[in-house]
Amino acid sequence: MKLFAIFGLICFLDPDIGDKRCFNYWEDPVVKYSLEKCADRAKTIGDQINKEFSENGFAIEEISVWCIPVDKSTGS
């Protein structure tokens, strides 16, 4: 069975520099999911990140959360 982990890219308007800032997101610790569970979790995480950024005054410019295949025997 193939396993997947959550990976995301979040870009927001940084008011301190007046420009877009982007960073990668990994669950910590990395959790391995079936594809179906990963897809559900990715949506939940995307919604949570968007809500938390908005509540803290950051304008999300772009958010993408994916399920990427991982090796069953290692952490990556």
Protein backbone atom coordinates (compact mmCIF):
# COMPACT_ATOMS: atom_id res chain seq x y z
CA MET A 1 0.00 0.00 0.00
CA LYS A 2 1.34 3.41 -0.98
CA LEU A 3 1.61 5.99 1.82
CA PHE A 4 1.46 9.78 1.66
CA ALA A 5 2.50 12.76 3.77
CA ILE A 6 1.21 16.33 3.90
CA PHE A 7 3.23 19.06 2.19
CA GLY A 8 2.13 22.64 1.68
CA LEU A 9 3.12 25.99 0.27
CA ILE A 10 1.77 29.08 2.00
CA CYS A 11 2.25 32.61 0.64
CA PHE A 12 1.02 35.71 2.43
CA LEU A 13 1.39 39.46 2.27
CA ASP A 14 3.96 40.41 4.91
CA PRO A 15 3.02 43.86 6.22
CA ASP A 16 6.56 44.43 7.54
CA ILE A 17 8.13 44.22 4.09
CA GLY A 18 5.08 45.06 1.97
CA ASP A 19 5.66 42.06 -0.25
CA LYS A 20 4.66 38.42 -0.60
CA ARG A 21 6.49 35.90 1.56
CA CYS A 22 6.23 32.13 1.03
CA PHE A 23 7.24 29.09 3.04
CA ASN A 24 6.88 25.32 2.93
CA TYR A 25 4.82 23.39 5.42
CA TRP A 26 5.33 19.82 6.67
CA GLU A 27 3.44 18.17 9.49
CA ASP A 28 5.74 17.77 12.48
CA PRO A 29 6.18 14.93 13.05
CA VAL A 30 5.58 13.67 9.52
CA VAL A 31 2.55 11.39 9.53
CA LYS A 32 2.01 8.75 6.84
CA TYR A 33 -1.55 8.35 5.53
CA SER A 34 -3.47 6.35 2.98
CA LEU A 35 -4.33 8.56 0.01
CA GLU A 36 -7.95 8.98 1.11
CA LYS A 37 -7.09 9.98 4.68
CA CYS A 38 -4.31 12.25 3.43
CA ALA A 39 -6.66 14.11 1.10
CA ASP A 40 -9.13 14.71 3.95
CA ARG A 41 -6.36 15.82 6.31
CA ALA A 42 -4.81 18.12 3.68
CA LYS A 43 -8.11 19.98 3.29
CA THR A 44 -8.51 20.30 7.05
CA ILE A 45 -4.96 21.61 7.47
CA GLY A 46 -5.39 24.10 4.61
CA ASP A 47 -8.59 25.42 6.17
CA GLN A 48 -6.95 25.69 9.63
CA ILE A 49 -3.91 27.55 8.29
CA ASN A 50 -6.09 29.96 6.32
CA LYS A 51 -8.27 30.65 9.38
CA GLU A 52 -5.32 31.17 11.75
CA PHE A 53 -3.48 33.51 9.37
CA SER A 54 -6.66 35.53 8.73
CA GLU A 55 -7.41 35.80 12.46
CA ASN A 56 -3.88 37.14 13.01
CA GLY A 57 -4.18 39.79 10.32
CA PHE A 58 -2.22 38.11 7.51
CA ALA A 59 -3.67 38.11 4.02
CA ILE A 60 -3.14 34.70 2.41
CA GLU A 61 -2.03 35.18 -1.20
CA GLU A 62 -1.75 31.49 -2.01
CA ILE A 63 -2.12 28.22 -0.14
CA SER A 64 -1.70 24.74 -1.58
CA VAL A 65 -1.59 21.58 0.50
CA TRP A 66 -0.70 18.30 -1.23
CA CYS A 67 -0.32 14.65 -0.43
CA ILE A 68 3.07 13.44 -1.59
CA PRO A 69 4.19 9.79 -1.75
CA VAL A 70 6.64 8.69 0.94
CA ASP A 71 8.77 5.63 1.50
CA LYS A 72 7.11 3.21 3.95
CA SER A 73 10.35 2.32 5.71
CA THR A 74 11.75 5.79 6.40
CA GLY A 75 10.62 9.18 7.60
CA SER A 76 10.70 10.59 4.08
